[in-house]
Amino acid sequence: MSRRAERRAAGVPQRPWGQVPRRLTPVEVISRDQVETIHHAACRVLAETGLRVLDGGARDRFRAAGAGVEDLTVRLDPGLVAERLATVPRSFRLLARNPARNLALGGANMVFASVGGPAYVMDLARGRRDGTLAEMEDYLRLVQALNVIQQEGGGPFEPMDLPAATRHLDIYAAQIRLLDKNWQTQTLGRARTLDGIAMAAIGMGAALDSLPAPCLLGIINTNSPLQLDIPMAEGLIALAEHGQVNVITPFTLAGAMAPVSLAGALVLQHAEALAGIVLTQIVRPGVPVMYGGFTSNVDMASGAPAFGTPEYAKAAMASGQLARHIGVPFRSSNVTSANAVDAQASYESQMAIWGAIMGGVHLMEHAAGWMHGGLTASFEKLLLDAEMLQMMQAVMEPVSTDAAELALAAIAEVGPGGHFFGAAHTLDRYREAFHRPLLSDWSPHETWKEAGGIGTAERAAALWPRLLAEYQEPVLPADRAEELADYVARRKAEGGAPMN
């Protein structure tokens, strides 16, 4: 079946599954000299001020690699940083349970991942609320059903009807059962991370010591400014030991946890990212790792984080430059501070998406579904973002200038003063000539009004139940399903992973 035929066959109009390479040259919002200046400033921070590392095992690894360690503070010489950066792969592949869903990261390849980690869930009918396992499973079904979402982002929201110490096991089991796409693990402590790795191995049909490397990715957030806590260090080390992917992501909010100047915030972000990347290469040289850019600003009137701002977009593009400077694949995000699925949610997310793509992003985290500054996963926003991501993929398609596409015969056929509606060239191509929207309504105003004048959020609220109705659960071999259930039961009996 062709890509176009696949699109026509779908009940809900979507672009077909698949990564579309970024064909636009990344924007350079700062000069190469400025990139060098920020990099050297970050190296100076690591050498002089250092990073507070709360985990003794991580400090021991830094010390054994030649770093200076005094009490809780680790200082990294620029030579050590350069030595360890040299082993980072510039590109890598992530394996999925379904080999057709394997992902390429690096170069011009982009991966769009769904929202991961919020505390709450919301939809138009019921508003914001604590989530349940059943609702989380529905969200995962939508992630599977939406072709433009290529990776699940680490648990869409917390199922608060489950015990805190064991709910990660149910999240992982649902990710494996309901998706055949690649998914992200939690990294809060060694036990949770190892559970994710072990269960991923079961889902892949592999033994833990022969796990395809890599098939799992996890986000590691430093505690800005300049601190790596115990749970994140444990998660980082566990992933690296097993050949899986760390995404080192400082949370540098200019004016709060980072200097109020954009350059100062980027220096801090770069220093913290470098330290985490170096640690992965100390643990296992050559293991894939990503540079996470998440610099934004606060609202200086309230102190609340602001997302999708001009500063965020500029920081994303500059972060891409810094990641390319050190040869590490780049992660950014689609974010908004909006409190409703409205115009603000759209234009802030559009700003963030463009900032990420024009920054040369390889992994767009939270690409679909993020609301309330990251506190909430929204069913309708998932659809709104999927629409925008589909449009971005369409922008990336190449423009053909072969003889048929130049349409000289059609221009001659119609001639001066005519129209192209009935031209043979149009009739041959009109069904697939243009991007077909998932959510947008292109009706004339009168037609739209006669149909009830339904807004975008309301259309999304009607569409996601249709996608759920079309969802088909991917087959998980019976032996893997049984082994997975046995693992979850055993770990629950052992108490799971108590919160750090």
Protein backbone atom coordinates (compact mmCIF):
# COMPACT_ATOMS: atom_id res chain seq x y z
CA MET A 1 0.00 0.00 0.00
CA SER A 2 1.37 3.42 -0.93
CA ARG A 3 1.74 6.22 1.61
CA ARG A 4 -1.11 8.11 -0.09
CA ALA A 5 -3.33 5.05 -0.24
CA GLU A 6 -2.62 4.39 3.45
CA ARG A 7 -3.72 7.95 4.24
CA ARG A 8 -6.97 7.57 2.24
CA ALA A 9 -7.76 4.25 3.94
CA ALA A 10 -7.67 5.70 7.46
CA GLY A 11 -10.98 6.51 9.11
CA VAL A 12 -9.62 9.74 10.59
CA PRO A 13 -7.51 11.64 8.04
CA GLN A 14 -3.86 11.48 9.01
CA ARG A 15 -0.49 11.60 7.41
CA PRO A 16 1.07 8.13 7.28
CA TRP A 17 3.44 6.86 9.94
CA GLY A 18 7.06 7.74 9.44
CA GLN A 19 9.83 10.19 10.26
CA VAL A 20 10.11 13.14 7.89
CA PRO A 21 13.64 14.59 7.81
CA ARG A 22 14.15 18.26 8.63
CA ARG A 23 15.09 19.78 5.29
CA LEU A 24 15.50 23.34 6.58
CA THR A 25 18.90 24.57 7.65
CA PRO A 26 18.94 25.36 11.39
CA VAL A 27 18.81 29.05 12.28
CA GLU A 28 21.88 30.52 13.96
CA VAL A 29 20.59 33.12 16.41
CA ILE A 30 24.05 33.61 17.86
CA SER A 31 27.36 33.75 15.99
CA ARG A 32 29.95 30.99 16.04
CA ASP A 33 32.15 33.22 18.17
CA GLN A 34 29.28 33.58 20.67
CA VAL A 35 28.82 29.79 20.74
CA GLU A 36 32.51 29.43 21.58
CA THR A 37 32.21 32.14 24.25
CA ILE A 38 29.27 30.39 25.95
CA HIS A 39 30.99 27.01 25.75
CA HIS A 40 34.20 28.32 27.32
CA ALA A 41 32.22 30.15 30.00
CA ALA A 42 30.38 26.93 30.87
CA CYS A 43 33.68 25.04 31.06
CA ARG A 44 34.97 27.72 33.40
CA VAL A 45 31.90 27.29 35.64
CA LEU A 46 32.56 23.53 35.83
CA ALA A 47 36.26 24.03 36.55
CA GLU A 48 35.94 26.82 39.12
CA THR A 49 32.48 26.66 40.74
CA GLY A 50 31.76 23.02 40.03
CA LEU A 51 28.61 20.93 40.33
CA ARG A 52 27.15 19.69 43.61
CA VAL A 53 26.67 15.92 43.21
CA LEU A 54 24.65 14.40 46.03
CA ASP A 55 25.11 10.75 45.08
CA GLY A 56 28.30 9.21 46.47
CA GLY A 57 28.53 6.62 43.70
CA ALA A 58 28.43 9.33 41.03
CA ARG A 59 31.12 11.31 42.88
CA ASP A 60 33.28 8.19 43.03
CA ARG A 61 32.98 7.74 39.27
CA PHE A 62 33.88 11.37 38.62
CA ARG A 63 36.88 11.07 40.96
CA ALA A 64 38.12 7.88 39.30
CA ALA A 65 37.94 9.60 35.90
CA GLY A 66 40.17 12.45 37.07
CA ALA A 67 37.70 15.07 38.24
CA GLY A 68 38.36 17.12 41.35
CA VAL A 69 36.05 16.14 44.20
CA GLU A 70 35.81 18.09 47.46
CA ASP A 71 33.00 17.16 49.83
CA LEU A 72 29.90 17.21 47.56
CA THR A 73 31.41 19.40 44.86
CA VAL A 74 32.76 17.99 41.60
CA ARG A 75 34.99 20.15 39.38
CA LEU A 76 35.73 19.18 35.80
CA ASP A 77 38.83 20.26 33.93
CA PRO A 78 38.12 21.39 30.32
CA GLY A 79 40.49 18.68 29.09
CA LEU A 80 38.45 15.98 30.84
CA VAL A 81 35.24 17.39 29.35
CA ALA A 82 36.71 17.39 25.83
CA GLU A 83 38.07 13.86 26.27
CA ARG A 84 34.68 12.46 27.28
CA LEU A 85 32.73 14.38 24.62
CA ALA A 86 34.86 12.65 22.00
CA THR A 87 33.15 9.29 22.70
CA VAL A 88 29.55 10.52 22.29
CA PRO A 89 27.88 9.16 19.12
CA ARG A 90 26.46 11.86 16.84
CA SER A 91 23.55 9.66 15.80
CA PHE A 92 21.90 6.45 16.94
CA ARG A 93 18.82 4.29 16.50
CA LEU A 94 16.12 3.43 19.02
CA LEU A 95 14.48 0.05 18.60
CA ALA A 96 10.74 -0.46 19.08
CA ARG A 97 8.71 -3.60 19.79
CA ASN A 98 7.50 -3.33 16.19
CA PRO A 99 10.62 -3.06 13.99
CA ALA A 100 8.66 -0.89 11.55
CA ARG A 101 8.52 1.70 14.34
CA ASN A 102 12.29 1.89 14.94
CA LEU A 103 13.57 5.45 15.16
CA ALA A 104 16.64 7.28 13.88
CA LEU A 105 18.02 10.20 15.89
CA GLY A 106 20.75 12.56 14.75
CA GLY A 107 21.49 14.29 11.47
CA ALA A 108 18.28 15.59 9.89
CA ASN A 109 16.08 13.04 11.68
CA MET A 110 13.40 14.27 14.10
CA VAL A 111 11.32 12.33 16.63
CA PHE A 112 8.07 13.74 18.03
CA ALA A 113 7.30 12.36 21.52
CA SER A 114 4.05 12.74 23.41
CA VAL A 115 3.76 14.63 26.70
CA GLY A 116 5.30 12.87 29.68
CA GLY A 117 5.17 13.32 33.42
CA PRO A 118 2.32 15.73 34.30
CA ALA A 119 0.49 15.38 37.59
CA TYR A 120 -2.99 15.97 36.15
CA VAL A 121 -5.18 15.20 33.16
CA MET A 122 -7.91 17.33 31.56
CA ASP A 123 -10.51 17.26 28.85
CA LEU A 124 -13.15 19.72 27.75
CA ALA A 125 -16.06 17.91 29.38
CA ARG A 126 -14.59 17.18 32.82
CA GLY A 127 -11.87 19.79 33.31
CA ARG A 128 -8.59 19.22 35.15
CA ARG A 129 -8.44 16.36 37.65
CA ASP A 130 -6.31 13.60 39.10
CA GLY A 131 -5.83 10.88 36.52
CA THR A 132 -6.65 7.20 36.74
CA LEU A 133 -5.04 4.14 35.18
CA ALA A 134 -8.02 3.69 32.85
CA GLU A 135 -7.73 7.28 31.59
CA MET A 136 -3.97 6.94 31.20
CA GLU A 137 -4.47 3.81 29.12
CA ASP A 138 -6.89 5.71 26.86
CA TYR A 139 -4.26 8.41 26.42
CA LEU A 140 -1.71 5.77 25.44
CA ARG A 141 -4.17 4.36 22.92
CA LEU A 142 -4.40 7.80 21.32
CA VAL A 143 -0.60 8.05 21.22
CA GLN A 144 -0.54 4.72 19.40
CA ALA A 145 -3.31 5.83 17.02
CA LEU A 146 -1.73 9.16 16.03
CA ASN A 147 0.79 8.51 13.27
CA VAL A 148 2.63 11.79 13.72
CA ILE A 149 3.60 10.87 17.30
CA GLN A 150 6.57 8.57 16.91
CA GLN A 151 7.49 7.98 20.56
CA GLU A 152 5.62 7.85 23.85
CA GLY A 153 7.02 10.41 26.26
CA GLY A 154 7.40 8.64 29.60
CA GLY A 155 3.88 8.17 31.02
CA PRO A 156 1.33 10.82 29.98
CA PHE A 157 0.24 11.58 33.57
CA GLU A 158 0.20 9.99 37.01
CA PRO A 159 -2.54 7.39 37.62
CA MET A 160 -3.41 8.57 41.11
CA ASP A 161 -5.70 5.61 41.83
CA LEU A 162 -2.59 3.42 42.17
CA PRO A 163 -0.07 3.22 45.04
CA ALA A 164 2.91 5.53 44.54
CA ALA A 165 5.52 2.84 45.16
CA THR A 166 4.26 0.49 42.44
CA ARG A 167 2.35 2.59 39.92
CA HIS A 168 5.41 2.83 37.66
CA LEU A 169 5.10 -0.92 37.09
CA ASP A 170 1.54 -0.52 35.83
CA ILE A 171 2.61 2.41 33.66
CA TYR A 172 5.41 0.39 32.05
CA ALA A 173 3.12 -2.61 31.53
CA ALA A 174 0.53 -0.39 29.82
CA GLN A 175 3.17 1.24 27.63
CA ILE A 176 4.41 -2.17 26.47
CA ARG A 177 0.95 -3.70 25.99
CA LEU A 178 -0.87 -0.78 24.35
CA LEU A 179 1.96 0.51 22.14
CA ASP A 180 4.23 -1.04 19.57
CA LYS A 181 6.08 2.29 19.34
CA ASN A 182 9.19 3.17 21.28
CA TRP A 183 8.47 4.48 24.79
CA GLN A 184 10.35 6.33 27.52
CA THR A 185 11.06 5.10 31.02
CA GLN A 186 10.97 6.93 34.34
CA THR A 187 14.37 7.73 35.85
CA LEU A 188 13.54 8.65 39.45
CA GLY A 189 16.01 6.42 41.27
CA ARG A 190 17.81 3.21 40.42
CA ALA A 191 14.96 0.81 41.23
CA ARG A 192 12.39 2.54 38.99
CA THR A 193 14.90 2.82 36.17
CA LEU A 194 15.97 -0.81 36.42
CA ASP A 195 12.32 -1.89 36.43
CA GLY A 196 11.85 0.02 33.18
CA ILE A 197 14.93 -1.59 31.62
CA ALA A 198 13.93 -5.10 32.75
CA MET A 199 10.36 -4.72 31.51
CA ALA A 200 11.53 -3.21 28.20
CA ALA A 201 13.71 -6.31 27.73
CA ILE A 202 10.69 -8.55 28.32
CA GLY A 203 8.63 -6.52 25.85
CA MET A 204 11.38 -6.86 23.26
CA GLY A 205 11.65 -10.60 23.84
CA ALA A 206 15.26 -10.27 25.01
CA ALA A 207 17.22 -11.23 28.09
CA LEU A 208 18.32 -8.31 30.23
CA ASP A 209 22.00 -8.96 29.52
CA SER A 210 21.35 -9.06 25.76
CA LEU A 211 18.93 -6.15 25.52
CA PRO A 212 19.09 -4.50 22.11
CA ALA A 213 20.98 -1.31 22.70
CA PRO A 214 19.38 1.05 22.77
CA CYS A 215 15.62 0.55 22.94
CA LEU A 216 14.88 2.83 25.88
CA LEU A 217 15.33 6.52 26.62
CA GLY A 218 14.96 8.48 29.85
CA ILE A 219 15.04 12.15 30.83
CA ILE A 220 17.56 13.29 33.45
CA ASN A 221 16.85 16.71 34.95
CA THR A 222 19.57 18.50 36.87
CA ASN A 223 18.46 20.62 39.83
CA SER A 224 19.42 24.06 38.59
CA PRO A 225 21.53 25.76 39.59
CA LEU A 226 24.45 23.34 39.52
CA GLN A 227 23.16 20.31 41.38
CA LEU A 228 22.62 16.65 40.48
CA ASP A 229 20.46 14.87 43.03
CA ILE A 230 20.58 11.24 44.11
CA PRO A 231 17.53 9.88 42.21
CA MET A 232 18.59 11.47 38.91
CA ALA A 233 22.20 10.31 39.30
CA GLU A 234 21.02 6.78 40.02
CA GLY A 235 18.74 6.80 36.99
CA LEU A 236 21.48 8.18 34.75
CA ILE A 237 23.99 5.56 35.84
CA ALA A 238 21.51 2.67 35.49
CA LEU A 239 20.56 3.68 31.93
CA ALA A 240 24.17 4.20 30.86
CA GLU A 241 25.32 0.90 32.40
CA HIS A 242 22.76 -0.94 30.28
CA GLY A 243 23.53 0.91 27.06
CA GLN A 244 20.33 2.94 27.06
CA VAL A 245 19.87 6.63 26.28
CA ASN A 246 20.06 9.50 28.77
CA VAL A 247 18.68 12.91 27.81
CA ILE A 248 20.47 15.37 30.09
CA THR A 249 18.10 18.31 30.57
CA PRO A 250 18.78 21.22 32.92
CA PHE A 251 15.64 23.14 33.92
CA THR A 252 17.09 26.64 33.65
CA LEU A 253 14.41 29.29 34.11
CA ALA A 254 15.96 32.70 33.52
CA GLY A 255 15.28 34.95 36.49
CA ALA A 256 14.65 32.08 38.92
CA MET A 257 16.96 29.04 38.75
CA ALA A 258 19.25 30.71 36.21
CA PRO A 259 20.59 34.21 35.55
CA VAL A 260 18.01 36.66 34.22
CA SER A 261 20.07 37.24 31.06
CA LEU A 262 19.58 34.75 28.23
CA ALA A 263 23.33 34.35 27.75
CA GLY A 264 23.82 33.65 31.46
CA ALA A 265 20.99 31.10 31.47
CA LEU A 266 22.55 29.35 28.46
CA VAL A 267 25.94 29.24 30.20
CA LEU A 268 24.34 27.51 33.20
CA GLN A 269 22.33 25.12 31.00
CA HIS A 270 25.42 24.23 29.00
CA ALA A 271 27.55 23.63 32.10
CA GLU A 272 24.99 21.32 33.69
CA ALA A 273 24.38 19.46 30.43
CA LEU A 274 28.10 18.97 29.91
CA ALA A 275 28.50 17.51 33.40
CA GLY A 276 25.70 14.99 32.88
CA ILE A 277 26.93 14.03 29.41
CA VAL A 278 30.46 13.51 30.76
CA LEU A 279 29.12 11.22 33.51
CA THR A 280 27.36 8.99 30.96
CA GLN A 281 30.65 8.56 29.08
CA ILE A 282 32.52 7.82 32.31
CA VAL A 283 30.01 5.06 33.08
CA ARG A 284 30.08 3.60 29.56
CA PRO A 285 32.11 5.28 26.82
CA GLY A 286 30.19 5.47 23.56
CA VAL A 287 26.73 5.11 25.08
CA PRO A 288 24.20 7.36 23.30
CA VAL A 289 23.26 10.54 25.15
CA MET A 290 21.37 13.70 24.21
CA TYR A 291 21.78 17.39 25.05
CA GLY A 292 18.52 18.71 26.49
CA GLY A 293 17.71 22.38 26.06
CA PHE A 294 14.94 23.63 28.33
CA THR A 295 15.84 27.25 29.01
CA SER A 296 12.88 29.59 29.35
CA ASN A 297 12.01 32.58 31.52
CA VAL A 298 9.70 33.41 34.39
CA ASP A 299 6.93 35.97 34.48
CA MET A 300 8.66 38.62 36.57
CA ALA A 301 5.27 39.89 37.79
CA SER A 302 4.24 36.58 39.35
CA GLY A 303 7.34 34.39 39.38
CA ALA A 304 5.47 31.71 37.41
CA PRO A 305 7.29 29.88 34.61
CA ALA A 306 6.53 31.23 31.13
CA PHE A 307 6.71 28.94 28.09
CA GLY A 308 6.45 29.36 24.36
CA THR A 309 7.90 32.85 24.73
CA PRO A 310 10.28 34.60 22.31
CA GLU A 311 13.03 33.94 24.84
CA TYR A 312 12.17 30.23 24.83
CA ALA A 313 12.35 30.06 21.03
CA LYS A 314 15.66 31.93 20.90
CA ALA A 315 17.07 29.71 23.65
CA ALA A 316 15.97 26.59 21.75
CA MET A 317 17.74 27.69 18.59
CA ALA A 318 20.87 28.71 20.51
CA SER A 319 20.78 25.40 22.41
CA GLY A 320 20.79 23.55 19.09
CA GLN A 321 23.91 25.48 18.14
CA LEU A 322 25.59 24.54 21.43
CA ALA A 323 24.64 20.87 21.00
CA ARG A 324 26.06 20.80 17.48
CA HIS A 325 29.21 22.53 18.72
CA ILE A 326 29.95 19.62 21.05
CA GLY A 327 28.63 16.94 18.66
CA VAL A 328 25.72 15.69 20.79
CA PRO A 329 22.16 15.05 19.48
CA PHE A 330 19.69 17.73 20.61
CA ARG A 331 16.40 17.56 22.54
CA SER A 332 13.91 20.44 22.83
CA SER A 333 10.19 20.64 23.67
CA ASN A 334 6.76 21.91 22.67
CA VAL A 335 5.51 23.94 25.64
CA THR A 336 2.88 26.48 26.68
CA SER A 337 1.71 28.19 29.85
CA ALA A 338 -1.90 28.38 28.63
CA ASN A 339 -4.70 27.38 30.98
CA ALA A 340 -7.19 26.49 28.24
CA VAL A 341 -6.98 24.88 24.81
CA ASP A 342 -7.28 28.25 23.13
CA ALA A 343 -5.39 30.72 20.96
CA GLN A 344 -2.65 31.14 23.58
CA ALA A 345 -2.10 27.39 23.70
CA SER A 346 -1.76 27.41 19.90
CA TYR A 347 0.55 30.36 19.38
CA GLU A 348 2.84 29.54 22.31
CA SER A 349 3.15 25.93 21.14
CA GLN A 350 3.69 27.05 17.56
CA MET A 351 6.47 29.36 18.76
CA ALA A 352 8.06 26.48 20.69
CA ILE A 353 7.72 24.01 17.80
CA TRP A 354 9.35 26.41 15.35
CA GLY A 355 12.10 27.22 17.84
CA ALA A 356 12.82 23.51 18.27
CA ILE A 357 12.76 22.62 14.58
CA MET A 358 14.81 25.62 13.52
CA GLY A 359 17.20 24.76 16.34
CA GLY A 360 17.86 21.44 14.59
CA VAL A 361 15.97 19.30 17.11
CA HIS A 362 16.36 15.52 17.06
CA LEU A 363 13.91 14.74 19.89
CA MET A 364 10.95 17.03 20.48
CA GLU A 365 9.78 16.06 23.96
CA HIS A 366 6.19 16.94 25.01
CA ALA A 367 5.47 17.45 21.30
CA ALA A 368 1.77 16.78 21.85
CA GLY A 369 -0.54 17.20 24.83
CA TRP A 370 1.31 19.58 27.23
CA MET A 371 -0.78 22.16 29.13
CA HIS A 372 -0.56 24.38 32.23
CA GLY A 373 3.22 24.76 32.11
CA GLY A 374 3.67 21.01 32.16
CA LEU A 375 1.35 20.22 35.06
CA THR A 376 -1.42 18.76 32.90
CA ALA A 377 -1.90 16.42 29.94
CA SER A 378 -4.88 17.39 27.79
CA PHE A 379 -6.82 15.09 25.49
CA GLU A 380 -7.82 17.98 23.22
CA LYS A 381 -4.34 19.54 23.19
CA LEU A 382 -2.97 16.17 22.08
CA LEU A 383 -5.06 16.55 18.92
CA LEU A 384 -4.29 20.24 18.46
CA ASP A 385 -0.55 19.57 18.65
CA ALA A 386 -0.83 16.56 16.34
CA GLU A 387 -2.42 18.89 13.78
CA MET A 388 0.48 21.34 14.05
CA LEU A 389 3.08 18.55 13.89
CA GLN A 390 1.45 17.16 10.75
CA MET A 391 1.65 20.61 9.20
CA MET A 392 5.34 20.79 10.10
CA GLN A 393 5.93 17.45 8.42
CA ALA A 394 4.17 18.75 5.31
CA VAL A 395 6.44 21.82 5.31
CA MET A 396 9.46 19.50 5.34
CA GLU A 397 8.39 17.61 2.20
CA PRO A 398 10.59 18.50 -0.78
CA VAL A 399 9.29 20.61 -3.65
CA SER A 400 9.54 18.73 -6.96
CA THR A 401 10.40 20.61 -10.14
CA ASP A 402 10.14 17.75 -12.64
CA ALA A 403 8.34 18.31 -15.92
CA ALA A 404 4.96 17.14 -14.66
CA GLU A 405 5.12 19.35 -11.58
CA LEU A 406 6.15 22.43 -13.55
CA ALA A 407 2.74 22.08 -15.28
CA LEU A 408 3.63 23.88 -18.51
CA ALA A 409 1.04 21.88 -20.43
CA ALA A 410 -1.65 22.85 -17.92
CA ILE A 411 -0.70 26.51 -18.12
CA ALA A 412 -0.93 26.35 -21.91
CA GLU A 413 -4.25 24.46 -21.75
CA VAL A 414 -5.93 27.02 -19.50
CA GLY A 415 -4.38 30.07 -21.08
CA PRO A 416 -4.91 33.71 -20.09
CA GLY A 417 -7.99 34.49 -18.00
CA GLY A 418 -9.05 30.87 -17.37
CA HIS A 419 -9.08 28.71 -14.27
CA PHE A 420 -7.48 25.42 -13.31
CA PHE A 421 -10.39 23.67 -11.56
CA GLY A 422 -11.22 21.57 -14.59
CA ALA A 423 -7.74 21.20 -16.05
CA ALA A 424 -6.53 17.65 -16.58
CA HIS A 425 -3.48 18.38 -14.43
CA THR A 426 -5.76 19.35 -11.53
CA LEU A 427 -8.17 16.45 -11.99
CA ASP A 428 -5.29 13.98 -11.90
CA ARG A 429 -3.93 15.39 -8.64
CA TYR A 430 -6.63 17.12 -6.61
CA ARG A 431 -7.30 14.32 -4.15
CA GLU A 432 -3.73 14.32 -2.85
CA ALA A 433 -2.50 17.73 -4.03
CA PHE A 434 -2.43 19.44 -0.64
CA HIS A 435 -2.02 18.70 3.04
CA ARG A 436 -5.23 17.30 4.47
CA PRO A 437 -5.95 18.56 8.00
CA LEU A 438 -6.66 16.35 10.98
CA LEU A 439 -8.56 18.97 12.96
CA SER A 440 -8.85 22.25 11.05
CA ASP A 441 -12.16 23.33 9.49
CA TRP A 442 -11.65 25.04 6.14
CA SER A 443 -15.35 25.59 5.44
CA PRO A 444 -16.64 29.02 4.36
CA HIS A 445 -18.03 31.02 7.27
CA GLU A 446 -21.67 30.46 6.29
CA THR A 447 -21.20 26.69 6.01
CA TRP A 448 -19.30 26.59 9.31
CA LYS A 449 -22.03 28.60 11.03
CA GLU A 450 -24.83 26.43 9.63
CA ALA A 451 -23.02 23.35 10.98
CA GLY A 452 -23.11 24.79 14.49
CA GLY A 453 -20.09 27.11 14.53
CA ILE A 454 -17.96 24.55 16.33
CA GLY A 455 -14.57 25.81 17.57
CA THR A 456 -11.24 24.02 17.46
CA ALA A 457 -11.29 22.69 21.03
CA GLU A 458 -14.81 21.34 20.54
CA ARG A 459 -13.78 19.64 17.29
CA ALA A 460 -10.86 18.04 19.13
CA ALA A 461 -13.22 16.89 21.89
CA ALA A 462 -15.31 15.12 19.25
CA LEU A 463 -12.34 13.67 17.38
CA TRP A 464 -10.36 11.90 20.09
CA PRO A 465 -13.23 9.49 20.95
CA ARG A 466 -13.34 8.57 17.24
CA LEU A 467 -9.65 7.76 17.33
CA LEU A 468 -10.20 5.62 20.42
CA ALA A 469 -12.97 3.76 18.60
CA GLU A 470 -10.58 3.05 15.69
CA TYR A 471 -7.69 1.95 17.94
CA GLN A 472 -6.45 -1.61 17.51
CA GLU A 473 -4.24 -3.04 20.24
CA PRO A 474 -0.96 -4.33 18.85
CA VAL A 475 -0.33 -8.01 19.43
CA LEU A 476 2.01 -8.85 22.31
CA PRO A 477 3.15 -12.49 22.16
CA ALA A 478 1.52 -14.55 24.88
CA ASP A 479 4.81 -15.66 26.44
CA ARG A 480 5.98 -12.05 26.79
CA ALA A 481 2.64 -10.97 28.24
CA GLU A 482 2.83 -13.76 30.84
CA GLU A 483 6.44 -12.94 31.74
CA LEU A 484 5.54 -9.26 32.04
CA ALA A 485 2.62 -10.02 34.38
CA ASP A 486 4.84 -12.27 36.51
CA TYR A 487 7.49 -9.55 36.79
CA VAL A 488 4.94 -6.91 37.85
CA ALA A 489 3.40 -9.26 40.43
CA ARG A 490 6.81 -10.13 41.89
CA ARG A 491 7.98 -6.53 42.11
CA LYS A 492 4.71 -5.46 43.72
CA ALA A 493 5.09 -8.21 46.30
CA GLU A 494 8.59 -6.88 47.01
CA GLY A 495 7.18 -3.38 47.60
CA GLY A 496 8.06 -1.76 44.30
CA ALA A 497 10.23 1.36 44.53
CA PRO A 498 9.37 3.59 47.49
CA MET A 499 9.50 7.28 46.68
CA ASN A 500 12.87 8.94 47.17
